[in-house]
Amino acid sequence: MGAVAAAAALFLPVRRRGRNQGAVERAGTRTVARLRTLHSGHVGDYVAWLVAGAATFGAALTLMVM
């Protein structure tokens, strides 16, 4: 749910700009820039992120069962 809200905040047009709108845009831009530096597009990156995601998902399921 949080990911959907973040995507909507970044990609939907803004009709009213609040006081904090500039700060939110800067934070989103910095976050995307950091993520792009972590992922070069090499096939090994895809495998590493897939394994990390599967391990995180498995850990979450294990914690829920316990």
PDB file of N, CA and C in Angstrom:
ATOM      1  N   MET A   1       0.821  -1.185   0.000  1.00  0.00           N
ATOM      2  CA  MET A   1       0.000   0.000   0.000  1.00  0.00           C
ATOM      3  C   MET A   1       0.872   1.258   0.000  1.00  0.00           C
ATOM      4  N   GLY A   2       1.943   1.225   0.776  1.00  0.00           N
ATOM      5  CA  GLY A   2       2.842   2.373   0.829  1.00  0.00           C
ATOM      6  C   GLY A   2       3.535   2.618  -0.499  1.00  0.00           C
ATOM      7  N   ALA A   3       3.865   1.530  -1.217  1.00  0.00           N
ATOM      8  CA  ALA A   3       4.514   1.677  -2.515  1.00  0.00           C
ATOM      9  C   ALA A   3       3.581   2.336  -3.525  1.00  0.00           C
ATOM     10  N   VAL A   4       2.314   2.001  -3.455  1.00  0.00           N
ATOM     11  CA  VAL A   4       1.335   2.607  -4.361  1.00  0.00           C
ATOM     12  C   VAL A   4       1.211   4.100  -4.068  1.00  0.00           C
ATOM     13  N   ALA A   5       1.191   4.462  -2.797  1.00  0.00           N
ATOM     14  CA  ALA A   5       1.094   5.879  -2.433  1.00  0.00           C
ATOM     15  C   ALA A   5       2.339   6.645  -2.877  1.00  0.00           C
ATOM     16  N   ALA A   6       3.515   6.031  -2.711  1.00  0.00           N
ATOM     17  CA  ALA A   6       4.749   6.691  -3.137  1.00  0.00           C
ATOM     18  C   ALA A   6       4.774   6.877  -4.650  1.00  0.00           C
ATOM     19  N   ALA A   7       4.350   5.853  -5.391  1.00  0.00           N
ATOM     20  CA  ALA A   7       4.318   5.964  -6.853  1.00  0.00           C
ATOM     21  C   ALA A   7       3.333   7.028  -7.296  1.00  0.00           C
ATOM     22  N   ALA A   8       2.187   7.065  -6.650  1.00  0.00           N
ATOM     23  CA  ALA A   8       1.195   8.074  -7.006  1.00  0.00           C
ATOM     24  C   ALA A   8       1.708   9.474  -6.720  1.00  0.00           C
ATOM     25  N   ALA A   9       2.405   9.635  -5.604  1.00  0.00           N
ATOM     26  CA  ALA A   9       2.931  10.956  -5.252  1.00  0.00           C
ATOM     27  C   ALA A   9       3.998  11.419  -6.234  1.00  0.00           C
ATOM     28  N   LEU A  10       4.765  10.483  -6.777  1.00  0.00           N
ATOM     29  CA  LEU A  10       5.847  10.854  -7.686  1.00  0.00           C
ATOM     30  C   LEU A  10       5.391  11.022  -9.135  1.00  0.00           C
ATOM     31  N   PHE A  11       4.372  10.264  -9.561  1.00  0.00           N
ATOM     32  CA  PHE A  11       4.048  10.246 -10.976  1.00  0.00           C
ATOM     33  C   PHE A  11       2.756  10.950 -11.361  1.00  0.00           C
ATOM     34  N   LEU A  12       1.865  11.160 -10.441  1.00  0.00           N
ATOM     35  CA  LEU A  12       0.626  11.847 -10.782  1.00  0.00           C
ATOM     36  C   LEU A  12       0.845  13.352 -10.782  1.00  0.00           C
ATOM     37  N   PRO A  13       0.164  14.072 -11.657  1.00  0.00           N
ATOM     38  CA  PRO A  13       0.331  15.520 -11.688  1.00  0.00           C
ATOM     39  C   PRO A  13      -0.183  16.153 -10.395  1.00  0.00           C
ATOM     40  N   VAL A  14       0.521  17.180  -9.988  1.00  0.00           N
ATOM     41  CA  VAL A  14       0.171  17.863  -8.741  1.00  0.00           C
ATOM     42  C   VAL A  14      -0.622  19.115  -9.077  1.00  0.00           C
ATOM     43  N   ARG A  15      -1.814  19.240  -8.509  1.00  0.00           N
ATOM     44  CA  ARG A  15      -2.634  20.430  -8.770  1.00  0.00           C
ATOM     45  C   ARG A  15      -2.309  21.543  -7.788  1.00  0.00           C
ATOM     46  N   ARG A  16      -2.122  21.163  -6.531  1.00  0.00           N
ATOM     47  CA  ARG A  16      -1.771  22.155  -5.513  1.00  0.00           C
ATOM     48  C   ARG A  16      -0.417  21.789  -4.943  1.00  0.00           C
ATOM     49  N   ARG A  17       0.436  22.752  -4.831  1.00  0.00           N
ATOM     50  CA  ARG A  17       1.741  22.501  -4.248  1.00  0.00           C
ATOM     51  C   ARG A  17       1.747  23.051  -2.828  1.00  0.00           C
ATOM     52  N   GLY A  18       2.071  22.182  -1.908  1.00  0.00           N
ATOM     53  CA  GLY A  18       2.151  22.577  -0.513  1.00  0.00           C
ATOM     54  C   GLY A  18       3.539  23.087  -0.177  1.00  0.00           C
ATOM     55  N   ARG A  19       3.713  23.430   1.084  1.00  0.00           N
ATOM     56  CA  ARG A  19       5.013  23.937   1.532  1.00  0.00           C
ATOM     57  C   ARG A  19       6.098  22.885   1.391  1.00  0.00           C
ATOM     58  N   ASN A  20       5.747  21.635   1.626  1.00  0.00           N
ATOM     59  CA  ASN A  20       6.743  20.575   1.655  1.00  0.00           C
ATOM     60  C   ASN A  20       6.918  19.870   0.323  1.00  0.00           C
ATOM     61  N   GLN A  21       6.265  20.329  -0.710  1.00  0.00           N
ATOM     62  CA  GLN A  21       6.319  19.642  -1.995  1.00  0.00           C
ATOM     63  C   GLN A  21       7.736  19.575  -2.537  1.00  0.00           C
ATOM     64  N   GLY A  22       8.484  20.641  -2.435  1.00  0.00           N
ATOM     65  CA  GLY A  22       9.860  20.645  -2.924  1.00  0.00           C
ATOM     66  C   GLY A  22      10.714  19.651  -2.173  1.00  0.00           C
ATOM     67  N   ALA A  23      10.516  19.551  -0.871  1.00  0.00           N
ATOM     68  CA  ALA A  23      11.283  18.605  -0.066  1.00  0.00           C
ATOM     69  C   ALA A  23      10.943  17.170  -0.446  1.00  0.00           C
ATOM     70  N   VAL A  24       9.686  16.908  -0.701  1.00  0.00           N
ATOM     71  CA  VAL A  24       9.266  15.556  -1.092  1.00  0.00           C
ATOM     72  C   VAL A  24       9.869  15.190  -2.443  1.00  0.00           C
ATOM     73  N   GLU A  25       9.852  16.113  -3.382  1.00  0.00           N
ATOM     74  CA  GLU A  25      10.427  15.846  -4.700  1.00  0.00           C
ATOM     75  C   GLU A  25      11.922  15.601  -4.607  1.00  0.00           C
ATOM     76  N   ARG A  26      12.624  16.392  -3.796  1.00  0.00           N
ATOM     77  CA  ARG A  26      14.070  16.205  -3.634  1.00  0.00           C
ATOM     78  C   ARG A  26      14.372  14.851  -2.994  1.00  0.00           C
ATOM     79  N   ALA A  27      13.602  14.465  -1.996  1.00  0.00           N
ATOM     80  CA  ALA A  27      13.813  13.174  -1.335  1.00  0.00           C
ATOM     81  C   ALA A  27      13.562  12.026  -2.311  1.00  0.00           C
ATOM     82  N   GLY A  28      12.513  12.136  -3.110  1.00  0.00           N
ATOM     83  CA  GLY A  28      12.225  11.099  -4.101  1.00  0.00           C
ATOM     84  C   GLY A  28      13.303  11.002  -5.151  1.00  0.00           C
ATOM     85  N   THR A  29      13.804  12.143  -5.600  1.00  0.00           N
ATOM     86  CA  THR A  29      14.863  12.163  -6.608  1.00  0.00           C
ATOM     87  C   THR A  29      16.142  11.549  -6.059  1.00  0.00           C
ATOM     88  N   ARG A  30      16.482  11.881  -4.817  1.00  0.00           N
ATOM     89  CA  ARG A  30      17.691  11.307  -4.205  1.00  0.00           C
ATOM     90  C   ARG A  30      17.559   9.804  -4.043  1.00  0.00           C
ATOM     91  N   THR A  31      16.383   9.345  -3.643  1.00  0.00           N
ATOM     92  CA  THR A  31      16.173   7.910  -3.447  1.00  0.00           C
ATOM     93  C   THR A  31      16.317   7.156  -4.762  1.00  0.00           C
ATOM     94  N   VAL A  32      15.716   7.672  -5.818  1.00  0.00           N
ATOM     95  CA  VAL A  32      15.817   7.020  -7.124  1.00  0.00           C
ATOM     96  C   VAL A  32      17.263   7.037  -7.612  1.00  0.00           C
ATOM     97  N   ALA A  33      17.986   8.119  -7.389  1.00  0.00           N
ATOM     98  CA  ALA A  33      19.387   8.196  -7.797  1.00  0.00           C
ATOM     99  C   ALA A  33      20.228   7.159  -7.060  1.00  0.00           C
ATOM    100  N   ARG A  34      19.980   6.975  -5.775  1.00  0.00           N
ATOM    101  CA  ARG A  34      20.722   5.963  -5.012  1.00  0.00           C
ATOM    102  C   ARG A  34      20.426   4.560  -5.525  1.00  0.00           C
ATOM    103  N   LEU A  35      19.162   4.287  -5.814  1.00  0.00           N
ATOM    104  CA  LEU A  35      18.805   2.972  -6.333  1.00  0.00           C
ATOM    105  C   LEU A  35      19.459   2.717  -7.692  1.00  0.00           C
ATOM    106  N   ARG A  36      19.545   3.733  -8.519  1.00  0.00           N
ATOM    107  CA  ARG A  36      20.173   3.556  -9.831  1.00  0.00           C
ATOM    108  C   ARG A  36      21.669   3.298  -9.709  1.00  0.00           C
ATOM    109  N   THR A  37      22.317   3.848  -8.695  1.00  0.00           N
ATOM    110  CA  THR A  37      23.744   3.568  -8.516  1.00  0.00           C
ATOM    111  C   THR A  37      23.969   2.134  -8.051  1.00  0.00           C
ATOM    112  N   LEU A  38      22.995   1.545  -7.357  1.00  0.00           N
ATOM    113  CA  LEU A  38      23.127   0.161  -6.901  1.00  0.00           C
ATOM    114  C   LEU A  38      22.906  -0.848  -8.016  1.00  0.00           C
ATOM    115  N   HIS A  39      22.250  -0.447  -9.088  1.00  0.00           N
ATOM    116  CA  HIS A  39      21.877  -1.381 -10.138  1.00  0.00           C
ATOM    117  C   HIS A  39      22.426  -0.898 -11.473  1.00  0.00           C
ATOM    118  N   SER A  40      23.434  -1.631 -11.981  1.00  0.00           N
ATOM    119  CA  SER A  40      24.081  -1.203 -13.223  1.00  0.00           C
ATOM    120  C   SER A  40      23.411  -1.767 -14.474  1.00  0.00           C
ATOM    121  N   GLY A  41      22.528  -2.750 -14.313  1.00  0.00           N
ATOM    122  CA  GLY A  41      21.890  -3.358 -15.471  1.00  0.00           C
ATOM    123  C   GLY A  41      22.562  -4.657 -15.881  1.00  0.00           C
ATOM    124  N   HIS A  42      23.633  -5.019 -15.212  1.00  0.00           N
ATOM    125  CA  HIS A  42      24.313  -6.287 -15.479  1.00  0.00           C
ATOM    126  C   HIS A  42      23.435  -7.435 -15.005  1.00  0.00           C
ATOM    127  N   VAL A  43      23.501  -8.574 -15.704  1.00  0.00           N
ATOM    128  CA  VAL A  43      22.636  -9.704 -15.360  1.00  0.00           C
ATOM    129  C   VAL A  43      22.881 -10.174 -13.930  1.00  0.00           C
ATOM    130  N   GLY A  44      24.093 -10.031 -13.432  1.00  0.00           N
ATOM    131  CA  GLY A  44      24.393 -10.412 -12.051  1.00  0.00           C
ATOM    132  C   GLY A  44      23.611  -9.584 -11.045  1.00  0.00           C
ATOM    133  N   ASP A  45      23.326  -8.332 -11.389  1.00  0.00           N
ATOM    134  CA  ASP A  45      22.523  -7.476 -10.514  1.00  0.00           C
ATOM    135  C   ASP A  45      21.099  -8.024 -10.392  1.00  0.00           C
ATOM    136  N   TYR A  46      20.546  -8.471 -11.509  1.00  0.00           N
ATOM    137  CA  TYR A  46      19.196  -9.035 -11.475  1.00  0.00           C
ATOM    138  C   TYR A  46      19.153 -10.266 -10.575  1.00  0.00           C
ATOM    139  N   VAL A  47      20.163 -11.120 -10.700  1.00  0.00           N
ATOM    140  CA  VAL A  47      20.221 -12.329  -9.886  1.00  0.00           C
ATOM    141  C   VAL A  47      20.389 -11.971  -8.415  1.00  0.00           C
ATOM    142  N   ALA A  48      21.252 -11.022  -8.124  1.00  0.00           N
ATOM    143  CA  ALA A  48      21.482 -10.629  -6.732  1.00  0.00           C
ATOM    144  C   ALA A  48      20.220 -10.056  -6.098  1.00  0.00           C
ATOM    145  N   TRP A  49      19.512  -9.199  -6.822  1.00  0.00           N
ATOM    146  CA  TRP A  49      18.278  -8.624  -6.274  1.00  0.00           C
ATOM    147  C   TRP A  49      17.183  -9.673  -6.135  1.00  0.00           C
ATOM    148  N   LEU A  50      17.126 -10.634  -7.063  1.00  0.00           N
ATOM    149  CA  LEU A  50      16.155 -11.714  -6.965  1.00  0.00           C
ATOM    150  C   LEU A  50      16.420 -12.573  -5.728  1.00  0.00           C
ATOM    151  N   VAL A  51      17.685 -12.912  -5.500  1.00  0.00           N
ATOM    152  CA  VAL A  51      18.040 -13.718  -4.334  1.00  0.00           C
ATOM    153  C   VAL A  51      17.776 -12.939  -3.047  1.00  0.00           C
ATOM    154  N   ALA A  52      18.114 -11.657  -3.019  1.00  0.00           N
ATOM    155  CA  ALA A  52      17.866 -10.843  -1.824  1.00  0.00           C
ATOM    156  C   ALA A  52      16.369 -10.740  -1.534  1.00  0.00           C
ATOM    157  N   GLY A  53      15.572 -10.555  -2.569  1.00  0.00           N
ATOM    158  CA  GLY A  53      14.126 -10.474  -2.380  1.00  0.00           C
ATOM    159  C   GLY A  53      13.540 -11.790  -1.910  1.00  0.00           C
ATOM    160  N   ALA A  54      13.998 -12.898  -2.490  1.00  0.00           N
ATOM    161  CA  ALA A  54      13.502 -14.212  -2.075  1.00  0.00           C
ATOM    162  C   ALA A  54      13.902 -14.515  -0.637  1.00  0.00           C
ATOM    163  N   ALA A  55      15.114 -14.150  -0.249  1.00  0.00           N
ATOM    164  CA  ALA A  55      15.558 -14.373   1.128  1.00  0.00           C
ATOM    165  C   ALA A  55      14.754 -13.528   2.110  1.00  0.00           C
ATOM    166  N   THR A  56      14.477 -12.289   1.744  1.00  0.00           N
ATOM    167  CA  THR A  56      13.676 -11.420   2.612  1.00  0.00           C
ATOM    168  C   THR A  56      12.259 -11.956   2.750  1.00  0.00           C
ATOM    169  N   PHE A  57      11.693 -12.397   1.639  1.00  0.00           N
ATOM    170  CA  PHE A  57      10.348 -12.961   1.671  1.00  0.00           C
ATOM    171  C   PHE A  57      10.320 -14.227   2.518  1.00  0.00           C
ATOM    172  N   GLY A  58      11.314 -15.089   2.345  1.00  0.00           N
ATOM    173  CA  GLY A  58      11.393 -16.312   3.135  1.00  0.00           C
ATOM    174  C   GLY A  58      11.546 -16.023   4.620  1.00  0.00           C
ATOM    175  N   ALA A  59      12.357 -15.027   4.966  1.00  0.00           N
ATOM    176  CA  ALA A  59      12.536 -14.653   6.374  1.00  0.00           C
ATOM    177  C   ALA A  59      11.230 -14.123   6.948  1.00  0.00           C
ATOM    178  N   ALA A  60      10.506 -13.328   6.186  1.00  0.00           N
ATOM    179  CA  ALA A  60       9.231 -12.798   6.664  1.00  0.00           C
ATOM    180  C   ALA A  60       8.219 -13.923   6.900  1.00  0.00           C
ATOM    181  N   LEU A  61       8.171 -14.882   5.990  1.00  0.00           N
ATOM    182  CA  LEU A  61       7.262 -16.016   6.167  1.00  0.00           C
ATOM    183  C   LEU A  61       7.661 -16.849   7.373  1.00  0.00           C
ATOM    184  N   THR A  62       8.950 -17.041   7.577  1.00  0.00           N
ATOM    185  CA  THR A  62       9.416 -17.800   8.730  1.00  0.00           C
ATOM    186  C   THR A  62       9.037 -17.120  10.027  1.00  0.00           C
ATOM    187  N   LEU A  63       9.174 -15.820  10.080  1.00  0.00           N
ATOM    188  CA  LEU A  63       8.827 -15.079  11.287  1.00  0.00           C
ATOM    189  C   LEU A  63       7.321 -15.114  11.542  1.00  0.00           C
ATOM    190  N   MET A  64       6.518 -15.152  10.490  1.00  0.00           N
ATOM    191  CA  MET A  64       5.076 -15.200  10.664  1.00  0.00           C
ATOM    192  C   MET A  64       4.624 -16.552  11.200  1.00  0.00           C
ATOM    193  N   VAL A  65       5.304 -17.609  10.820  1.00  0.00           N
ATOM    194  CA  VAL A  65       4.928 -18.953  11.244  1.00  0.00           C
ATOM    195  C   VAL A  65       5.323 -19.203  12.702  1.00  0.00           C
ATOM    196  N   MET A  66       6.417 -18.616  13.116  1.00  0.00           N
ATOM    197  CA  MET A  66       6.914 -18.873  14.466  1.00  0.00           C
ATOM    198  C   MET A  66       6.044 -18.263  15.504  1.00  0.00           C
TER     199      MET A  66
END
